Amino acid sequence: MTEHALAQVDEVLTELVEMVETARTLPMSSSCVIGREKALDLLDALREVLPAELIEARRLVAQRERLLAEAAERAEDSVRTATESSEALLADARAEASRIIEAAQDEQQRLVSAAGVQQAAVAAAEQLTSQAQEQAGQTLALAEQAAAKLTGDAHGYASSTLAELVDHLQRLLSTAENGRDALGRQLP
């Protein structure tokens, strides 16, 4: 609320208080008689000053709601993107592992079918299969680590973005509450 508006509110409230304090009391009663027209004029003056501040408070609340919705949407998008990336990496790793194992099995079959070198072929094929499986396991482990890191990074980004937004919104809320409290202290 601007200084001018606060001064207007304070002035009108002071006049209302003086009017009530100086009003004639009715005999044998705590009731008093005040001028209706002057009281209504003062209340109208008060009504003209306050709506602008109420509109500003409503705007701040609407802005807060909009910012919260945007932050939640961004966080969901980040998590969704990280999940899709990790799933794609895992799918690629599984496909590569299957290809390597299939190639090793094909080589094993070719070597085993050769008549003259069957024993050597079996040993070489087993070694190739073992190496292929080890390489496939390493590839899959690396893909899982990358997927976990992407997911963790997305969650961290979403958490940090939401924390910044909450801090900003708390400051806005504190400013609005301070204004409302200042107005409340001005009212009798």
N, C-alpha and C. Protein backbone atom coordinates (compact mmCIF):
# COMPACT_ATOMS: atom_id res chain seq x y z
N MET A 1 0.87 -1.16 0.00
CA MET A 1 0.00 0.00 0.00
C MET A 1 0.92 1.23 0.00
N THR A 2 0.60 2.23 -0.82
CA THR A 2 1.44 3.41 -0.92
C THR A 2 1.28 4.27 0.33
N GLU A 3 2.27 5.14 0.51
CA GLU A 3 2.24 6.04 1.68
C GLU A 3 1.01 6.94 1.62
N HIS A 4 0.68 7.41 0.42
CA HIS A 4 -0.48 8.28 0.27
C HIS A 4 -1.77 7.54 0.65
N ALA A 5 -1.89 6.30 0.17
CA ALA A 5 -3.08 5.51 0.48
C ALA A 5 -3.16 5.23 1.97
N LEU A 6 -2.03 4.90 2.59
CA LEU A 6 -2.02 4.67 4.05
C LEU A 6 -2.44 5.94 4.80
N ALA A 7 -1.95 7.07 4.32
CA ALA A 7 -2.31 8.33 4.97
C ALA A 7 -3.80 8.60 4.84
N GLN A 8 -4.37 8.31 3.66
CA GLN A 8 -5.81 8.50 3.47
C GLN A 8 -6.61 7.59 4.39
N VAL A 9 -6.20 6.32 4.47
CA VAL A 9 -6.91 5.36 5.33
C VAL A 9 -6.83 5.83 6.78
N ASP A 10 -5.64 6.24 7.20
CA ASP A 10 -5.45 6.69 8.58
C ASP A 10 -6.31 7.92 8.87
N GLU A 11 -6.35 8.84 7.91
CA GLU A 11 -7.13 10.08 8.09
C GLU A 11 -8.62 9.77 8.23
N VAL A 12 -9.13 8.91 7.36
CA VAL A 12 -10.56 8.57 7.40
C VAL A 12 -10.89 7.84 8.69
N LEU A 13 -10.03 6.91 9.09
CA LEU A 13 -10.27 6.17 10.33
C LEU A 13 -10.24 7.09 11.54
N THR A 14 -9.32 8.06 11.55
CA THR A 14 -9.24 9.01 12.66
C THR A 14 -10.53 9.83 12.75
N GLU A 15 -11.03 10.26 11.58
CA GLU A 15 -12.29 11.03 11.59
C GLU A 15 -13.44 10.19 12.11
N LEU A 16 -13.49 8.91 11.70
CA LEU A 16 -14.57 8.03 12.18
C LEU A 16 -14.49 7.84 13.69
N VAL A 17 -13.27 7.64 14.19
CA VAL A 17 -13.10 7.46 15.64
C VAL A 17 -13.52 8.73 16.38
N GLU A 18 -13.10 9.89 15.89
CA GLU A 18 -13.48 11.15 16.55
C GLU A 18 -14.99 11.35 16.51
N MET A 19 -15.62 10.97 15.40
CA MET A 19 -17.06 11.13 15.29
C MET A 19 -17.77 10.29 16.35
N VAL A 20 -17.30 9.04 16.52
CA VAL A 20 -17.94 8.17 17.51
C VAL A 20 -17.64 8.65 18.93
N GLU A 21 -16.40 9.08 19.17
CA GLU A 21 -16.04 9.52 20.52
C GLU A 21 -16.78 10.80 20.94
N THR A 22 -17.05 11.67 20.00
CA THR A 22 -17.69 12.95 20.33
C THR A 22 -19.20 12.94 20.13
N ALA A 23 -19.75 11.80 19.74
CA ALA A 23 -21.19 11.72 19.48
C ALA A 23 -21.96 11.82 20.80
N ARG A 24 -23.15 12.38 20.70
CA ARG A 24 -24.02 12.47 21.89
C ARG A 24 -24.50 11.08 22.27
N THR A 25 -24.50 10.83 23.57
CA THR A 25 -25.00 9.53 24.04
C THR A 25 -26.48 9.65 24.34
N LEU A 26 -27.17 8.56 24.16
CA LEU A 26 -28.59 8.52 24.47
C LEU A 26 -28.73 8.35 25.98
N PRO A 27 -29.72 8.97 26.56
CA PRO A 27 -29.90 8.86 28.01
C PRO A 27 -30.08 7.40 28.44
N MET A 28 -29.40 7.04 29.50
CA MET A 28 -29.47 5.72 30.13
C MET A 28 -29.11 4.60 29.14
N SER A 29 -28.12 4.88 28.29
CA SER A 29 -27.70 3.89 27.30
C SER A 29 -26.24 4.17 26.93
N SER A 30 -25.59 3.13 26.41
CA SER A 30 -24.22 3.34 25.92
C SER A 30 -24.24 3.64 24.42
N SER A 31 -25.42 3.69 23.83
CA SER A 31 -25.56 4.01 22.41
C SER A 31 -25.39 5.51 22.20
N CYS A 32 -25.05 5.87 20.96
CA CYS A 32 -24.86 7.28 20.66
C CYS A 32 -25.49 7.62 19.32
N VAL A 33 -25.58 8.90 19.04
CA VAL A 33 -26.16 9.38 17.79
C VAL A 33 -25.03 10.01 16.98
N ILE A 34 -24.86 9.51 15.74
CA ILE A 34 -23.85 10.11 14.85
C ILE A 34 -24.54 10.53 13.57
N GLY A 35 -23.91 11.44 12.85
CA GLY A 35 -24.48 11.91 11.59
C GLY A 35 -24.33 10.84 10.51
N ARG A 36 -25.43 10.36 10.04
CA ARG A 36 -25.43 9.29 9.05
C ARG A 36 -24.69 9.70 7.77
N GLU A 37 -24.99 10.87 7.26
CA GLU A 37 -24.42 11.32 6.00
C GLU A 37 -22.90 11.43 6.09
N LYS A 38 -22.39 12.02 7.18
CA LYS A 38 -20.95 12.17 7.33
C LYS A 38 -20.29 10.80 7.50
N ALA A 39 -20.90 9.90 8.29
CA ALA A 39 -20.35 8.56 8.48
C ALA A 39 -20.31 7.80 7.15
N LEU A 40 -21.37 7.91 6.36
CA LEU A 40 -21.39 7.23 5.06
C LEU A 40 -20.35 7.81 4.11
N ASP A 41 -20.16 9.12 4.15
CA ASP A 41 -19.13 9.76 3.32
C ASP A 41 -17.74 9.23 3.69
N LEU A 42 -17.48 9.12 4.98
CA LEU A 42 -16.17 8.62 5.43
C LEU A 42 -15.98 7.15 5.03
N LEU A 43 -17.02 6.36 5.16
CA LEU A 43 -16.92 4.95 4.77
C LEU A 43 -16.73 4.81 3.26
N ASP A 44 -17.39 5.66 2.47
CA ASP A 44 -17.18 5.65 1.02
C ASP A 44 -15.74 6.02 0.67
N ALA A 45 -15.19 7.00 1.38
CA ALA A 45 -13.80 7.40 1.14
C ALA A 45 -12.86 6.23 1.46
N LEU A 46 -13.15 5.51 2.52
CA LEU A 46 -12.34 4.36 2.90
C LEU A 46 -12.46 3.25 1.85
N ARG A 47 -13.65 3.06 1.34
CA ARG A 47 -13.90 2.03 0.32
C ARG A 47 -13.14 2.34 -0.97
N GLU A 48 -12.95 3.61 -1.30
CA GLU A 48 -12.23 3.99 -2.51
C GLU A 48 -10.74 3.68 -2.41
N VAL A 49 -10.17 3.73 -1.23
CA VAL A 49 -8.74 3.51 -1.06
C VAL A 49 -8.42 2.01 -1.01
N LEU A 50 -9.23 1.22 -0.33
CA LEU A 50 -8.90 -0.18 -0.09
C LEU A 50 -8.97 -1.10 -1.31
N PRO A 51 -9.91 -0.96 -2.25
CA PRO A 51 -10.00 -1.94 -3.33
C PRO A 51 -8.72 -2.10 -4.14
N ALA A 52 -7.98 -1.02 -4.36
CA ALA A 52 -6.75 -1.15 -5.13
C ALA A 52 -5.79 -2.12 -4.44
N GLU A 53 -5.70 -2.06 -3.14
CA GLU A 53 -4.81 -2.95 -2.40
C GLU A 53 -5.34 -4.38 -2.42
N LEU A 54 -6.64 -4.56 -2.37
CA LEU A 54 -7.21 -5.90 -2.43
C LEU A 54 -6.96 -6.52 -3.80
N ILE A 55 -7.07 -5.71 -4.85
CA ILE A 55 -6.81 -6.21 -6.21
C ILE A 55 -5.35 -6.64 -6.32
N GLU A 56 -4.43 -5.86 -5.77
CA GLU A 56 -3.01 -6.21 -5.80
C GLU A 56 -2.76 -7.52 -5.05
N ALA A 57 -3.40 -7.70 -3.91
CA ALA A 57 -3.23 -8.94 -3.13
C ALA A 57 -3.77 -10.13 -3.93
N ARG A 58 -4.91 -9.96 -4.58
CA ARG A 58 -5.46 -11.05 -5.40
C ARG A 58 -4.52 -11.36 -6.57
N ARG A 59 -3.94 -10.33 -7.18
CA ARG A 59 -3.01 -10.54 -8.29
C ARG A 59 -1.79 -11.34 -7.82
N LEU A 60 -1.28 -11.01 -6.62
CA LEU A 60 -0.13 -11.74 -6.08
C LEU A 60 -0.46 -13.20 -5.83
N VAL A 61 -1.63 -13.45 -5.31
CA VAL A 61 -2.05 -14.84 -5.06
C VAL A 61 -2.19 -15.59 -6.38
N ALA A 62 -2.78 -14.96 -7.40
CA ALA A 62 -2.93 -15.60 -8.70
C ALA A 62 -1.57 -15.87 -9.34
N GLN A 63 -0.65 -14.91 -9.19
CA GLN A 63 0.69 -15.09 -9.72
C GLN A 63 1.39 -16.25 -9.03
N ARG A 64 1.21 -16.37 -7.73
CA ARG A 64 1.80 -17.46 -6.95
C ARG A 64 1.28 -18.80 -7.46
N GLU A 65 -0.03 -18.89 -7.67
CA GLU A 65 -0.63 -20.14 -8.14
C GLU A 65 -0.10 -20.49 -9.53
N ARG A 66 0.03 -19.49 -10.40
CA ARG A 66 0.53 -19.72 -11.75
C ARG A 66 1.98 -20.20 -11.72
N LEU A 67 2.81 -19.57 -10.88
CA LEU A 67 4.21 -19.98 -10.77
C LEU A 67 4.34 -21.40 -10.24
N LEU A 68 3.52 -21.76 -9.26
CA LEU A 68 3.56 -23.13 -8.73
C LEU A 68 3.18 -24.14 -9.81
N ALA A 69 2.16 -23.82 -10.60
CA ALA A 69 1.73 -24.73 -11.66
C ALA A 69 2.82 -24.88 -12.73
N GLU A 70 3.46 -23.76 -13.09
CA GLU A 70 4.52 -23.81 -14.09
C GLU A 70 5.72 -24.63 -13.58
N ALA A 71 6.08 -24.44 -12.33
CA ALA A 71 7.21 -25.18 -11.76
C ALA A 71 6.91 -26.67 -11.71
N ALA A 72 5.69 -27.02 -11.33
CA ALA A 72 5.33 -28.43 -11.28
C ALA A 72 5.37 -29.04 -12.68
N GLU A 73 4.90 -28.28 -13.67
CA GLU A 73 4.91 -28.78 -15.05
C GLU A 73 6.34 -28.96 -15.55
N ARG A 74 7.21 -27.98 -15.23
CA ARG A 74 8.61 -28.11 -15.65
C ARG A 74 9.28 -29.31 -14.99
N ALA A 75 8.97 -29.52 -13.71
CA ALA A 75 9.56 -30.66 -13.00
C ALA A 75 9.09 -31.98 -13.62
N GLU A 76 7.81 -32.06 -13.94
CA GLU A 76 7.28 -33.27 -14.57
C GLU A 76 7.94 -33.49 -15.93
N ASP A 77 8.12 -32.42 -16.71
CA ASP A 77 8.77 -32.54 -18.02
C ASP A 77 10.20 -33.04 -17.88
N SER A 78 10.93 -32.51 -16.88
CA SER A 78 12.32 -32.93 -16.67
C SER A 78 12.39 -34.40 -16.31
N VAL A 79 11.53 -34.83 -15.40
CA VAL A 79 11.53 -36.24 -14.99
C VAL A 79 11.13 -37.12 -16.17
N ARG A 80 10.11 -36.69 -16.94
CA ARG A 80 9.66 -37.48 -18.09
C ARG A 80 10.79 -37.60 -19.12
N THR A 81 11.49 -36.50 -19.41
CA THR A 81 12.58 -36.52 -20.38
C THR A 81 13.71 -37.44 -19.91
N ALA A 82 14.06 -37.33 -18.63
CA ALA A 82 15.13 -38.18 -18.09
C ALA A 82 14.73 -39.65 -18.16
N THR A 83 13.48 -39.95 -17.84
CA THR A 83 13.00 -41.33 -17.89
C THR A 83 13.05 -41.87 -19.32
N GLU A 84 12.59 -41.04 -20.27
CA GLU A 84 12.61 -41.47 -21.67
C GLU A 84 14.04 -41.70 -22.15
N SER A 85 14.96 -40.80 -21.76
CA SER A 85 16.37 -40.95 -22.16
C SER A 85 16.97 -42.22 -21.58
N SER A 86 16.69 -42.48 -20.29
CA SER A 86 17.26 -43.67 -19.66
C SER A 86 16.67 -44.93 -20.27
N GLU A 87 15.37 -44.92 -20.61
CA GLU A 87 14.77 -46.09 -21.25
C GLU A 87 15.36 -46.32 -22.63
N ALA A 88 15.62 -45.24 -23.37
CA ALA A 88 16.23 -45.37 -24.70
C ALA A 88 17.64 -45.94 -24.58
N LEU A 89 18.42 -45.46 -23.59
CA LEU A 89 19.77 -45.97 -23.38
C LEU A 89 19.75 -47.46 -23.03
N LEU A 90 18.84 -47.85 -22.16
CA LEU A 90 18.73 -49.25 -21.78
C LEU A 90 18.34 -50.11 -22.97
N ALA A 91 17.40 -49.62 -23.76
CA ALA A 91 16.97 -50.38 -24.94
C ALA A 91 18.14 -50.55 -25.92
N ASP A 92 18.90 -49.48 -26.14
CA ASP A 92 20.06 -49.56 -27.04
C ASP A 92 21.10 -50.54 -26.49
N ALA A 93 21.33 -50.48 -25.17
CA ALA A 93 22.33 -51.37 -24.56
C ALA A 93 21.89 -52.83 -24.68
N ARG A 94 20.61 -53.08 -24.46
CA ARG A 94 20.11 -54.46 -24.57
C ARG A 94 20.23 -54.96 -26.02
N ALA A 95 19.91 -54.08 -26.98
CA ALA A 95 20.01 -54.47 -28.39
C ALA A 95 21.46 -54.76 -28.76
N GLU A 96 22.38 -53.93 -28.29
CA GLU A 96 23.81 -54.15 -28.57
C GLU A 96 24.29 -55.44 -27.92
N ALA A 97 23.85 -55.69 -26.68
CA ALA A 97 24.25 -56.92 -26.00
C ALA A 97 23.72 -58.14 -26.76
N SER A 98 22.47 -58.07 -27.20
CA SER A 98 21.90 -59.19 -27.97
C SER A 98 22.66 -59.40 -29.27
N ARG A 99 23.01 -58.32 -29.94
CA ARG A 99 23.76 -58.43 -31.20
C ARG A 99 25.11 -59.09 -30.98
N ILE A 100 25.80 -58.67 -29.91
CA ILE A 100 27.13 -59.23 -29.61
C ILE A 100 27.01 -60.72 -29.28
N ILE A 101 26.04 -61.06 -28.47
CA ILE A 101 25.86 -62.47 -28.09
C ILE A 101 25.50 -63.31 -29.33
N GLU A 102 24.61 -62.77 -30.17
CA GLU A 102 24.23 -63.48 -31.39
C GLU A 102 25.43 -63.68 -32.30
N ALA A 103 26.26 -62.66 -32.45
CA ALA A 103 27.46 -62.78 -33.29
C ALA A 103 28.41 -63.82 -32.71
N ALA A 104 28.54 -63.83 -31.39
CA ALA A 104 29.42 -64.81 -30.75
C ALA A 104 28.88 -66.22 -30.94
N GLN A 105 27.58 -66.38 -30.83
CA GLN A 105 26.99 -67.71 -31.02
C GLN A 105 27.14 -68.16 -32.48
N ASP A 106 26.97 -67.24 -33.42
CA ASP A 106 27.17 -67.56 -34.84
C ASP A 106 28.60 -68.02 -35.08
N GLU A 107 29.53 -67.28 -34.49
CA GLU A 107 30.95 -67.64 -34.64
C GLU A 107 31.22 -69.00 -34.00
N GLN A 108 30.61 -69.23 -32.86
CA GLN A 108 30.78 -70.52 -32.18
C GLN A 108 30.27 -71.65 -33.08
N GLN A 109 29.10 -71.46 -33.67
CA GLN A 109 28.53 -72.48 -34.57
C GLN A 109 29.45 -72.73 -35.76
N ARG A 110 29.98 -71.65 -36.33
CA ARG A 110 30.87 -71.79 -37.49
C ARG A 110 32.12 -72.56 -37.12
N LEU A 111 32.70 -72.20 -35.95
CA LEU A 111 33.93 -72.87 -35.53
C LEU A 111 33.68 -74.34 -35.15
N VAL A 112 32.56 -74.58 -34.49
CA VAL A 112 32.25 -75.95 -34.07
C VAL A 112 32.01 -76.84 -35.28
N SER A 113 31.41 -76.31 -36.33
CA SER A 113 31.10 -77.13 -37.50
C SER A 113 32.34 -77.49 -38.32
N ALA A 114 33.41 -76.80 -38.14
CA ALA A 114 34.63 -77.14 -38.87
C ALA A 114 35.16 -78.47 -38.34
N ALA A 115 35.41 -79.43 -39.21
CA ALA A 115 35.78 -80.80 -38.82
C ALA A 115 37.17 -80.88 -38.22
N GLY A 116 38.12 -80.23 -38.76
CA GLY A 116 39.50 -80.41 -38.34
C GLY A 116 39.86 -79.70 -37.05
N VAL A 117 39.14 -78.67 -36.69
CA VAL A 117 39.55 -77.87 -35.53
C VAL A 117 38.43 -77.78 -34.50
N GLN A 118 37.74 -78.88 -34.31
CA GLN A 118 36.56 -78.83 -33.46
C GLN A 118 36.90 -78.46 -32.03
N GLN A 119 37.93 -79.05 -31.45
CA GLN A 119 38.26 -78.76 -30.05
C GLN A 119 38.67 -77.29 -29.89
N ALA A 120 39.51 -76.81 -30.81
CA ALA A 120 39.94 -75.42 -30.73
C ALA A 120 38.76 -74.48 -30.97
N ALA A 121 37.87 -74.89 -31.84
CA ALA A 121 36.71 -74.06 -32.15
C ALA A 121 35.78 -73.92 -30.95
N VAL A 122 35.60 -75.04 -30.25
CA VAL A 122 34.73 -75.01 -29.07
C VAL A 122 35.33 -74.08 -28.02
N ALA A 123 36.63 -74.20 -27.78
CA ALA A 123 37.28 -73.36 -26.78
C ALA A 123 37.22 -71.88 -27.19
N ALA A 124 37.50 -71.62 -28.45
CA ALA A 124 37.48 -70.24 -28.93
C ALA A 124 36.06 -69.67 -28.88
N ALA A 125 35.09 -70.50 -29.25
CA ALA A 125 33.70 -70.04 -29.21
C ALA A 125 33.26 -69.74 -27.79
N GLU A 126 33.65 -70.62 -26.87
CA GLU A 126 33.28 -70.38 -25.46
C GLU A 126 33.94 -69.10 -24.95
N GLN A 127 35.19 -68.92 -25.35
CA GLN A 127 35.89 -67.70 -24.94
C GLN A 127 35.22 -66.47 -25.53
N LEU A 128 34.85 -66.54 -26.82
CA LEU A 128 34.16 -65.42 -27.46
C LEU A 128 32.81 -65.15 -26.79
N THR A 129 32.09 -66.21 -26.49
CA THR A 129 30.79 -66.04 -25.83
C THR A 129 30.97 -65.40 -24.46
N SER A 130 31.99 -65.88 -23.73
CA SER A 130 32.25 -65.31 -22.40
C SER A 130 32.61 -63.83 -22.51
N GLN A 131 33.48 -63.52 -23.47
CA GLN A 131 33.86 -62.12 -23.66
C GLN A 131 32.66 -61.27 -24.09
N ALA A 132 31.85 -61.82 -24.95
CA ALA A 132 30.68 -61.09 -25.43
C ALA A 132 29.71 -60.84 -24.28
N GLN A 133 29.51 -61.87 -23.47
CA GLN A 133 28.61 -61.70 -22.33
C GLN A 133 29.17 -60.68 -21.33
N GLU A 134 30.49 -60.73 -21.12
CA GLU A 134 31.12 -59.76 -20.21
C GLU A 134 30.99 -58.35 -20.77
N GLN A 135 31.25 -58.22 -22.08
CA GLN A 135 31.14 -56.90 -22.71
C GLN A 135 29.69 -56.41 -22.69
N ALA A 136 28.76 -57.33 -22.93
CA ALA A 136 27.34 -56.96 -22.89
C ALA A 136 26.95 -56.52 -21.48
N GLY A 137 27.44 -57.24 -20.48
CA GLY A 137 27.15 -56.86 -19.08
C GLY A 137 27.71 -55.50 -18.75
N GLN A 138 28.95 -55.24 -19.21
CA GLN A 138 29.56 -53.92 -18.96
C GLN A 138 28.77 -52.81 -19.67
N THR A 139 28.38 -53.08 -20.91
CA THR A 139 27.61 -52.08 -21.66
C THR A 139 26.28 -51.80 -20.97
N LEU A 140 25.63 -52.87 -20.52
CA LEU A 140 24.35 -52.71 -19.82
C LEU A 140 24.54 -51.96 -18.50
N ALA A 141 25.60 -52.28 -17.76
CA ALA A 141 25.87 -51.59 -16.49
C ALA A 141 26.13 -50.10 -16.73
N LEU A 142 26.91 -49.79 -17.78
CA LEU A 142 27.18 -48.38 -18.09
C LEU A 142 25.90 -47.65 -18.48
N ALA A 143 25.06 -48.32 -19.25
CA ALA A 143 23.79 -47.70 -19.65
C ALA A 143 22.90 -47.47 -18.43
N GLU A 144 22.85 -48.42 -17.51
CA GLU A 144 22.06 -48.27 -16.29
C GLU A 144 22.60 -47.13 -15.42
N GLN A 145 23.94 -47.03 -15.34
CA GLN A 145 24.54 -45.92 -14.57
C GLN A 145 24.18 -44.57 -15.20
N ALA A 146 24.28 -44.51 -16.53
CA ALA A 146 23.96 -43.25 -17.22
C ALA A 146 22.49 -42.90 -17.02
N ALA A 147 21.62 -43.91 -17.08
CA ALA A 147 20.19 -43.67 -16.88
C ALA A 147 19.93 -43.20 -15.46
N ALA A 148 20.58 -43.82 -14.48
CA ALA A 148 20.40 -43.42 -13.08
C ALA A 148 20.89 -41.99 -12.86
N LYS A 149 22.02 -41.65 -13.49
CA LYS A 149 22.54 -40.29 -13.34
C LYS A 149 21.59 -39.27 -13.95
N LEU A 150 21.08 -39.58 -15.17
CA LEU A 150 20.12 -38.67 -15.81
C LEU A 150 18.88 -38.48 -14.95
N THR A 151 18.38 -39.58 -14.39
CA THR A 151 17.19 -39.48 -13.54
C THR A 151 17.51 -38.67 -12.28
N GLY A 152 18.65 -38.93 -11.66
CA GLY A 152 19.05 -38.18 -10.46
C GLY A 152 19.22 -36.70 -10.76
N ASP A 153 19.86 -36.41 -11.90
CA ASP A 153 20.04 -35.00 -12.28
C ASP A 153 18.70 -34.31 -12.50
N ALA A 154 17.78 -35.01 -13.14
CA ALA A 154 16.45 -34.42 -13.38
C ALA A 154 15.73 -34.16 -12.08
N HIS A 155 15.80 -35.12 -11.16
CA HIS A 155 15.16 -34.92 -9.86
C HIS A 155 15.82 -33.77 -9.10
N GLY A 156 17.15 -33.71 -9.17
CA GLY A 156 17.86 -32.62 -8.49
C GLY A 156 17.49 -31.27 -9.06
N TYR A 157 17.40 -31.18 -10.40
CA TYR A 157 17.02 -29.92 -11.04
C TYR A 157 15.60 -29.53 -10.63
N ALA A 158 14.69 -30.50 -10.68
CA ALA A 158 13.30 -30.22 -10.32
C ALA A 158 13.21 -29.76 -8.87
N SER A 159 13.95 -30.44 -7.98
CA SER A 159 13.91 -30.08 -6.56
C SER A 159 14.48 -28.68 -6.33
N SER A 160 15.60 -28.38 -7.00
CA SER A 160 16.20 -27.06 -6.82
C SER A 160 15.32 -25.96 -7.39
N THR A 161 14.70 -26.22 -8.55
CA THR A 161 13.79 -25.23 -9.15
C THR A 161 12.60 -24.97 -8.24
N LEU A 162 12.03 -26.04 -7.70
CA LEU A 162 10.89 -25.88 -6.80
C LEU A 162 11.30 -25.16 -5.51
N ALA A 163 12.51 -25.46 -4.99
CA ALA A 163 12.97 -24.79 -3.77
C ALA A 163 13.13 -23.29 -4.01
N GLU A 164 13.70 -22.91 -5.18
CA GLU A 164 13.84 -21.49 -5.51
C GLU A 164 12.48 -20.83 -5.64
N LEU A 165 11.56 -21.53 -6.27
CA LEU A 165 10.21 -20.99 -6.44
C LEU A 165 9.53 -20.81 -5.10
N VAL A 166 9.65 -21.81 -4.21
CA VAL A 166 9.04 -21.71 -2.88
C VAL A 166 9.62 -20.52 -2.13
N ASP A 167 10.95 -20.34 -2.21
CA ASP A 167 11.59 -19.21 -1.53
C ASP A 167 11.06 -17.89 -2.07
N HIS A 168 10.96 -17.79 -3.40
CA HIS A 168 10.45 -16.56 -4.02
C HIS A 168 9.00 -16.30 -3.60
N LEU A 169 8.21 -17.35 -3.62
CA LEU A 169 6.80 -17.21 -3.26
C LEU A 169 6.64 -16.86 -1.78
N GLN A 170 7.50 -17.41 -0.93
CA GLN A 170 7.41 -17.07 0.50
C GLN A 170 7.74 -15.60 0.71
N ARG A 171 8.71 -15.09 -0.07
CA ARG A 171 9.02 -13.66 0.06
C ARG A 171 7.85 -12.81 -0.41
N LEU A 172 7.21 -13.22 -1.52
CA LEU A 172 6.04 -12.48 -1.99
C LEU A 172 4.91 -12.54 -0.98
N LEU A 173 4.69 -13.72 -0.41
CA LEU A 173 3.64 -13.89 0.59
C LEU A 173 3.94 -13.05 1.82
N SER A 174 5.22 -13.04 2.24
CA SER A 174 5.61 -12.24 3.41
C SER A 174 5.36 -10.76 3.15
N THR A 175 5.67 -10.30 1.93
CA THR A 175 5.44 -8.90 1.59
C THR A 175 3.95 -8.58 1.63
N ALA A 176 3.13 -9.48 1.08
CA ALA A 176 1.68 -9.26 1.10
C ALA A 176 1.14 -9.27 2.52
N GLU A 177 1.63 -10.21 3.36
CA GLU A 177 1.16 -10.28 4.74
C GLU A 177 1.61 -9.06 5.55
N ASN A 178 2.82 -8.58 5.28
CA ASN A 178 3.29 -7.36 5.96
C ASN A 178 2.40 -6.18 5.61
N GLY A 179 2.02 -6.07 4.33
CA GLY A 179 1.12 -4.99 3.92
C GLY A 179 -0.24 -5.12 4.59
N ARG A 180 -0.74 -6.33 4.64
CA ARG A 180 -2.03 -6.56 5.28
C ARG A 180 -1.94 -6.26 6.77
N ASP A 181 -0.84 -6.70 7.41
CA ASP A 181 -0.66 -6.42 8.84
C ASP A 181 -0.57 -4.92 9.11
N ALA A 182 0.14 -4.20 8.21
CA ALA A 182 0.26 -2.75 8.38
C ALA A 182 -1.11 -2.10 8.27
N LEU A 183 -1.90 -2.56 7.34
CA LEU A 183 -3.26 -2.05 7.20
C LEU A 183 -4.09 -2.39 8.43
N GLY A 184 -3.92 -3.61 8.94
CA GLY A 184 -4.66 -4.03 10.13
C GLY A 184 -4.32 -3.20 11.36
N ARG A 185 -3.06 -2.80 11.45
CA ARG A 185 -2.66 -1.97 12.60
C ARG A 185 -3.24 -0.56 12.49
N GLN A 186 -3.57 -0.17 11.29
CA GLN A 186 -4.14 1.18 11.10
C GLN A 186 -5.63 1.21 11.48
N LEU A 187 -6.27 0.04 11.40
CA LEU A 187 -7.71 -0.03 11.71
C LEU A 187 -7.91 -0.10 13.21
N PRO A 188 -8.98 0.57 13.77
CA PRO A 188 -9.18 0.51 15.23
C PRO A 188 -9.66 -0.85 15.68
